Amino acid sequence: MIKFYGYKRCSTSKKAQKWLDDYGVKYEFQDLVEQPPKKEDLIKWMTKYQDRGLRYFFNTSGQHYRQQKLKDKIPDMTIEEAAEMMSKDGKLIKRPLVVGDDHLTCGFRENIYEETWL
């Protein structure tokens, strides 16, 4: 079963959940603000999908991202540093973060979900 890290007050998370529900895709929900993913898991995912770049995992339009001026810091950041930050502040993670055995997506785009989760 896939793990869906979302935020109850996020419209994008709600759209993604509705899409998964409409297509009968089973998932386990975890609020990434109340309970962010563990640092070890983030390291594992960012390492496995490092071809996407660290920026892919960050909520680049979020207030926390802008307040910390992460745009300028990401190019020099290690996976461990990024995972440490995200594991302590789930609002830094692009949502929803959906993880399966062999797939991972950040954000919601219907065509990507069709390719990945069906």
N, C-alpha and C. Protein backbone atom coordinates (compact mmCIF):
# COMPACT_ATOMS: atom_id res chain seq x y z
N MET A 1 0.84 -1.19 0.00
CA MET A 1 0.00 0.00 0.00
C MET A 1 0.88 1.25 0.00
N ILE A 2 0.42 2.27 -0.71
CA ILE A 2 1.20 3.49 -0.77
C ILE A 2 0.93 4.37 0.45
N LYS A 3 1.90 5.23 0.73
CA LYS A 3 1.80 6.16 1.85
C LYS A 3 1.60 7.55 1.27
N PHE A 4 0.60 8.23 1.77
CA PHE A 4 0.24 9.56 1.29
C PHE A 4 0.53 10.56 2.40
N TYR A 5 1.55 11.38 2.20
CA TYR A 5 1.89 12.42 3.15
C TYR A 5 1.26 13.72 2.65
N GLY A 6 0.22 14.16 3.32
CA GLY A 6 -0.47 15.36 2.90
C GLY A 6 -0.75 16.28 4.07
N TYR A 7 -1.49 17.32 3.78
CA TYR A 7 -1.84 18.31 4.80
C TYR A 7 -3.34 18.55 4.64
N LYS A 8 -4.07 18.36 5.73
CA LYS A 8 -5.53 18.42 5.69
C LYS A 8 -6.07 19.74 5.16
N ARG A 9 -5.32 20.83 5.36
CA ARG A 9 -5.79 22.15 4.94
C ARG A 9 -5.26 22.56 3.56
N CYS A 10 -4.59 21.66 2.88
CA CYS A 10 -3.97 21.96 1.58
C CYS A 10 -4.90 21.52 0.44
N SER A 11 -5.25 22.45 -0.42
CA SER A 11 -6.16 22.13 -1.53
C SER A 11 -5.54 21.13 -2.50
N THR A 12 -4.24 21.21 -2.72
CA THR A 12 -3.58 20.26 -3.62
C THR A 12 -3.62 18.86 -3.04
N SER A 13 -3.41 18.73 -1.75
CA SER A 13 -3.50 17.41 -1.10
C SER A 13 -4.92 16.86 -1.25
N LYS A 14 -5.91 17.72 -1.07
CA LYS A 14 -7.31 17.28 -1.19
C LYS A 14 -7.62 16.81 -2.60
N LYS A 15 -7.13 17.54 -3.61
CA LYS A 15 -7.35 17.14 -5.02
C LYS A 15 -6.71 15.79 -5.30
N ALA A 16 -5.49 15.61 -4.79
CA ALA A 16 -4.78 14.35 -5.02
C ALA A 16 -5.49 13.19 -4.33
N GLN A 17 -5.96 13.42 -3.10
CA GLN A 17 -6.70 12.37 -2.39
C GLN A 17 -7.98 12.01 -3.13
N LYS A 18 -8.69 13.01 -3.62
CA LYS A 18 -9.93 12.76 -4.36
C LYS A 18 -9.62 11.93 -5.61
N TRP A 19 -8.53 12.27 -6.30
CA TRP A 19 -8.15 11.53 -7.50
C TRP A 19 -7.88 10.06 -7.15
N LEU A 20 -7.08 9.83 -6.11
CA LEU A 20 -6.77 8.46 -5.69
C LEU A 20 -8.05 7.71 -5.31
N ASP A 21 -8.93 8.38 -4.56
CA ASP A 21 -10.20 7.77 -4.16
C ASP A 21 -11.05 7.43 -5.38
N ASP A 22 -11.14 8.38 -6.32
CA ASP A 22 -11.95 8.16 -7.53
C ASP A 22 -11.46 6.98 -8.34
N TYR A 23 -10.15 6.73 -8.33
CA TYR A 23 -9.58 5.62 -9.09
C TYR A 23 -9.40 4.36 -8.25
N GLY A 24 -9.85 4.39 -7.01
CA GLY A 24 -9.79 3.21 -6.15
C GLY A 24 -8.39 2.83 -5.72
N VAL A 25 -7.50 3.79 -5.69
CA VAL A 25 -6.13 3.52 -5.25
C VAL A 25 -6.09 3.59 -3.73
N LYS A 26 -5.68 2.50 -3.11
CA LYS A 26 -5.61 2.44 -1.64
C LYS A 26 -4.34 3.11 -1.15
N TYR A 27 -4.46 3.85 -0.07
CA TYR A 27 -3.31 4.53 0.50
C TYR A 27 -3.52 4.73 2.00
N GLU A 28 -2.42 4.97 2.68
CA GLU A 28 -2.46 5.31 4.10
C GLU A 28 -2.09 6.78 4.22
N PHE A 29 -2.92 7.56 4.88
CA PHE A 29 -2.70 9.00 5.03
C PHE A 29 -1.87 9.31 6.27
N GLN A 30 -0.93 10.22 6.11
CA GLN A 30 -0.19 10.75 7.26
C GLN A 30 -0.05 12.25 7.06
N ASP A 31 -0.42 13.02 8.08
CA ASP A 31 -0.32 14.47 8.01
C ASP A 31 1.15 14.85 8.13
N LEU A 32 1.70 15.42 7.06
CA LEU A 32 3.13 15.70 7.08
C LEU A 32 3.50 16.93 7.91
N VAL A 33 2.50 17.71 8.33
CA VAL A 33 2.79 18.84 9.21
C VAL A 33 2.81 18.37 10.66
N GLU A 34 1.81 17.58 11.04
CA GLU A 34 1.75 17.05 12.41
C GLU A 34 2.81 15.99 12.66
N GLN A 35 3.08 15.18 11.63
CA GLN A 35 4.02 14.07 11.77
C GLN A 35 4.83 13.92 10.47
N PRO A 36 5.87 14.75 10.31
CA PRO A 36 6.68 14.67 9.09
C PRO A 36 7.36 13.31 8.95
N PRO A 37 7.72 12.94 7.73
CA PRO A 37 8.46 11.68 7.55
C PRO A 37 9.77 11.72 8.34
N LYS A 38 10.26 10.54 8.68
CA LYS A 38 11.52 10.42 9.42
C LYS A 38 12.69 10.81 8.52
N LYS A 39 13.72 11.33 9.14
CA LYS A 39 14.92 11.75 8.42
C LYS A 39 15.48 10.59 7.58
N GLU A 40 15.53 9.39 8.18
CA GLU A 40 16.08 8.23 7.47
C GLU A 40 15.30 7.93 6.20
N ASP A 41 13.96 8.04 6.28
CA ASP A 41 13.14 7.79 5.10
C ASP A 41 13.38 8.85 4.03
N LEU A 42 13.45 10.11 4.45
CA LEU A 42 13.71 11.19 3.50
C LEU A 42 15.06 10.99 2.80
N ILE A 43 16.07 10.60 3.57
CA ILE A 43 17.39 10.34 2.98
C ILE A 43 17.29 9.23 1.94
N LYS A 44 16.58 8.16 2.30
CA LYS A 44 16.42 7.02 1.38
C LYS A 44 15.75 7.47 0.08
N TRP A 45 14.65 8.23 0.19
CA TRP A 45 13.92 8.66 -1.00
C TRP A 45 14.71 9.66 -1.83
N MET A 46 15.36 10.62 -1.17
CA MET A 46 16.12 11.63 -1.90
C MET A 46 17.34 11.02 -2.58
N THR A 47 17.87 9.97 -2.00
CA THR A 47 19.00 9.27 -2.61
C THR A 47 18.53 8.46 -3.81
N LYS A 48 17.44 7.71 -3.63
CA LYS A 48 16.91 6.88 -4.72
C LYS A 48 16.47 7.72 -5.91
N TYR A 49 15.91 8.89 -5.65
CA TYR A 49 15.39 9.74 -6.71
C TYR A 49 16.21 11.02 -6.86
N GLN A 50 17.52 10.92 -6.62
CA GLN A 50 18.35 12.11 -6.65
C GLN A 50 18.47 12.71 -8.05
N ASP A 51 18.12 11.94 -9.08
CA ASP A 51 18.12 12.49 -10.44
C ASP A 51 17.10 13.61 -10.59
N ARG A 52 16.12 13.68 -9.68
CA ARG A 52 15.10 14.74 -9.72
C ARG A 52 15.60 16.03 -9.05
N GLY A 53 16.65 15.92 -8.28
CA GLY A 53 17.21 17.08 -7.59
C GLY A 53 16.51 17.35 -6.27
N LEU A 54 17.20 17.98 -5.35
CA LEU A 54 16.64 18.27 -4.03
C LEU A 54 15.44 19.23 -4.13
N ARG A 55 15.50 20.15 -5.06
CA ARG A 55 14.43 21.15 -5.20
C ARG A 55 13.07 20.48 -5.41
N TYR A 56 13.07 19.31 -6.07
CA TYR A 56 11.82 18.58 -6.34
C TYR A 56 11.05 18.29 -5.05
N PHE A 57 11.75 18.07 -3.96
CA PHE A 57 11.14 17.67 -2.70
C PHE A 57 10.68 18.85 -1.85
N PHE A 58 11.14 20.05 -2.19
CA PHE A 58 10.82 21.24 -1.39
C PHE A 58 9.54 21.93 -1.86
N ASN A 59 8.79 22.44 -0.91
CA ASN A 59 7.62 23.27 -1.17
C ASN A 59 8.12 24.68 -1.47
N THR A 60 8.52 24.90 -2.71
CA THR A 60 9.18 26.14 -3.09
C THR A 60 8.26 27.36 -3.05
N SER A 61 6.97 27.14 -2.96
CA SER A 61 6.04 28.27 -2.88
C SER A 61 5.59 28.54 -1.45
N GLY A 62 6.12 27.78 -0.51
CA GLY A 62 5.70 27.91 0.89
C GLY A 62 6.40 29.05 1.63
N GLN A 63 5.73 29.54 2.65
CA GLN A 63 6.28 30.63 3.46
C GLN A 63 7.56 30.22 4.18
N HIS A 64 7.58 29.01 4.72
CA HIS A 64 8.76 28.56 5.47
C HIS A 64 9.98 28.49 4.56
N TYR A 65 9.77 28.05 3.33
CA TYR A 65 10.84 27.97 2.33
C TYR A 65 11.39 29.37 2.05
N ARG A 66 10.49 30.32 1.83
CA ARG A 66 10.91 31.69 1.51
C ARG A 66 11.56 32.38 2.72
N GLN A 67 10.99 32.18 3.90
CA GLN A 67 11.53 32.81 5.11
C GLN A 67 12.98 32.38 5.37
N GLN A 68 13.27 31.13 5.06
CA GLN A 68 14.63 30.62 5.31
C GLN A 68 15.57 30.83 4.12
N LYS A 69 15.04 31.47 3.07
CA LYS A 69 15.84 31.77 1.87
C LYS A 69 16.51 30.51 1.31
N LEU A 70 15.74 29.44 1.24
CA LEU A 70 16.30 28.16 0.83
C LEU A 70 16.64 28.10 -0.66
N LYS A 71 16.02 28.96 -1.45
CA LYS A 71 16.33 28.99 -2.89
C LYS A 71 17.83 29.12 -3.12
N ASP A 72 18.47 29.96 -2.31
CA ASP A 72 19.91 30.19 -2.46
C ASP A 72 20.76 29.11 -1.79
N LYS A 73 20.16 28.35 -0.87
CA LYS A 73 20.92 27.36 -0.10
C LYS A 73 20.88 25.96 -0.71
N ILE A 74 19.81 25.63 -1.44
CA ILE A 74 19.65 24.27 -1.96
C ILE A 74 20.81 23.80 -2.84
N PRO A 75 21.35 24.66 -3.72
CA PRO A 75 22.45 24.17 -4.57
C PRO A 75 23.65 23.61 -3.80
N ASP A 76 23.89 24.12 -2.60
CA ASP A 76 25.04 23.66 -1.82
C ASP A 76 24.66 22.69 -0.70
N MET A 77 23.38 22.33 -0.63
CA MET A 77 22.88 21.50 0.47
C MET A 77 23.10 20.01 0.18
N THR A 78 23.41 19.26 1.22
CA THR A 78 23.52 17.81 1.08
C THR A 78 22.13 17.18 1.29
N ILE A 79 22.00 15.94 0.89
CA ILE A 79 20.76 15.20 1.12
C ILE A 79 20.48 15.12 2.61
N GLU A 80 21.52 14.88 3.39
CA GLU A 80 21.35 14.77 4.85
C GLU A 80 20.84 16.07 5.45
N GLU A 81 21.39 17.20 5.00
CA GLU A 81 20.94 18.50 5.51
C GLU A 81 19.49 18.77 5.14
N ALA A 82 19.13 18.47 3.91
CA ALA A 82 17.75 18.67 3.46
C ALA A 82 16.79 17.78 4.26
N ALA A 83 17.17 16.52 4.44
CA ALA A 83 16.33 15.57 5.18
C ALA A 83 16.16 16.00 6.63
N GLU A 84 17.21 16.52 7.22
CA GLU A 84 17.15 17.00 8.60
C GLU A 84 16.13 18.14 8.71
N MET A 85 16.20 19.09 7.81
CA MET A 85 15.28 20.22 7.84
C MET A 85 13.83 19.78 7.65
N MET A 86 13.61 18.92 6.66
CA MET A 86 12.25 18.48 6.33
C MET A 86 11.65 17.61 7.42
N SER A 87 12.49 16.82 8.08
CA SER A 87 11.97 15.94 9.13
C SER A 87 11.53 16.73 10.35
N LYS A 88 12.01 17.97 10.46
CA LYS A 88 11.64 18.82 11.58
C LYS A 88 10.54 19.82 11.23
N ASP A 89 10.33 20.06 9.93
CA ASP A 89 9.33 21.03 9.47
C ASP A 89 8.68 20.51 8.20
N GLY A 90 7.56 19.81 8.37
CA GLY A 90 6.86 19.21 7.24
C GLY A 90 6.36 20.21 6.21
N LYS A 91 6.21 21.47 6.60
CA LYS A 91 5.75 22.47 5.64
C LYS A 91 6.81 22.80 4.59
N LEU A 92 8.02 22.32 4.78
CA LEU A 92 9.07 22.48 3.78
C LEU A 92 8.94 21.47 2.65
N ILE A 93 8.15 20.42 2.86
CA ILE A 93 8.02 19.34 1.89
C ILE A 93 6.91 19.67 0.89
N LYS A 94 7.22 19.48 -0.38
CA LYS A 94 6.20 19.68 -1.42
C LYS A 94 5.12 18.64 -1.22
N ARG A 95 3.88 19.09 -1.21
CA ARG A 95 2.79 18.16 -0.92
C ARG A 95 1.81 18.07 -2.08
N PRO A 96 1.19 16.91 -2.13
CA PRO A 96 1.44 15.74 -1.29
C PRO A 96 2.68 14.97 -1.75
N LEU A 97 3.29 14.31 -0.80
CA LEU A 97 4.38 13.39 -1.07
C LEU A 97 3.76 12.00 -1.00
N VAL A 98 3.81 11.28 -2.11
CA VAL A 98 3.20 9.95 -2.17
C VAL A 98 4.31 8.94 -2.49
N VAL A 99 4.40 7.90 -1.66
CA VAL A 99 5.49 6.95 -1.77
C VAL A 99 4.95 5.53 -1.83
N GLY A 100 5.41 4.79 -2.82
CA GLY A 100 5.10 3.37 -2.94
C GLY A 100 6.40 2.60 -2.94
N ASP A 101 6.32 1.30 -3.16
CA ASP A 101 7.52 0.47 -3.17
C ASP A 101 8.53 0.93 -4.23
N ASP A 102 8.03 1.23 -5.43
CA ASP A 102 8.92 1.56 -6.54
C ASP A 102 8.64 2.92 -7.16
N HIS A 103 7.83 3.73 -6.51
CA HIS A 103 7.46 5.03 -7.08
C HIS A 103 7.41 6.10 -6.00
N LEU A 104 7.58 7.35 -6.43
CA LEU A 104 7.45 8.49 -5.54
C LEU A 104 7.04 9.70 -6.37
N THR A 105 6.07 10.46 -5.84
CA THR A 105 5.69 11.71 -6.49
C THR A 105 5.57 12.80 -5.43
N CYS A 106 5.91 14.02 -5.83
CA CYS A 106 5.70 15.21 -5.01
C CYS A 106 4.79 16.13 -5.80
N GLY A 107 3.82 16.70 -5.12
CA GLY A 107 2.86 17.55 -5.81
C GLY A 107 1.79 16.72 -6.47
N PHE A 108 0.90 17.39 -7.20
CA PHE A 108 -0.17 16.66 -7.88
C PHE A 108 -0.33 17.16 -9.31
N ARG A 109 -0.13 16.26 -10.23
CA ARG A 109 -0.44 16.48 -11.64
C ARG A 109 -1.14 15.21 -12.10
N GLU A 110 -2.32 15.40 -12.66
CA GLU A 110 -3.15 14.26 -13.01
C GLU A 110 -2.43 13.29 -13.95
N ASN A 111 -1.74 13.81 -14.98
CA ASN A 111 -1.06 12.92 -15.93
C ASN A 111 0.06 12.12 -15.26
N ILE A 112 0.76 12.73 -14.29
CA ILE A 112 1.82 12.02 -13.56
C ILE A 112 1.20 10.93 -12.67
N TYR A 113 0.09 11.25 -12.04
CA TYR A 113 -0.60 10.25 -11.22
C TYR A 113 -1.07 9.07 -12.07
N GLU A 114 -1.59 9.36 -13.26
CA GLU A 114 -2.05 8.28 -14.16
C GLU A 114 -0.88 7.37 -14.51
N GLU A 115 0.27 7.96 -14.84
CA GLU A 115 1.45 7.17 -15.20
C GLU A 115 2.01 6.39 -14.02
N THR A 116 1.92 6.97 -12.82
CA THR A 116 2.60 6.41 -11.66
C THR A 116 1.75 5.51 -10.80
N TRP A 117 0.50 5.91 -10.54
CA TRP A 117 -0.29 5.23 -9.50
C TRP A 117 -1.40 4.34 -10.03
N LEU A 118 -1.60 4.27 -11.35
CA LEU A 118 -2.63 3.35 -11.86
C LEU A 118 -2.02 2.04 -12.30
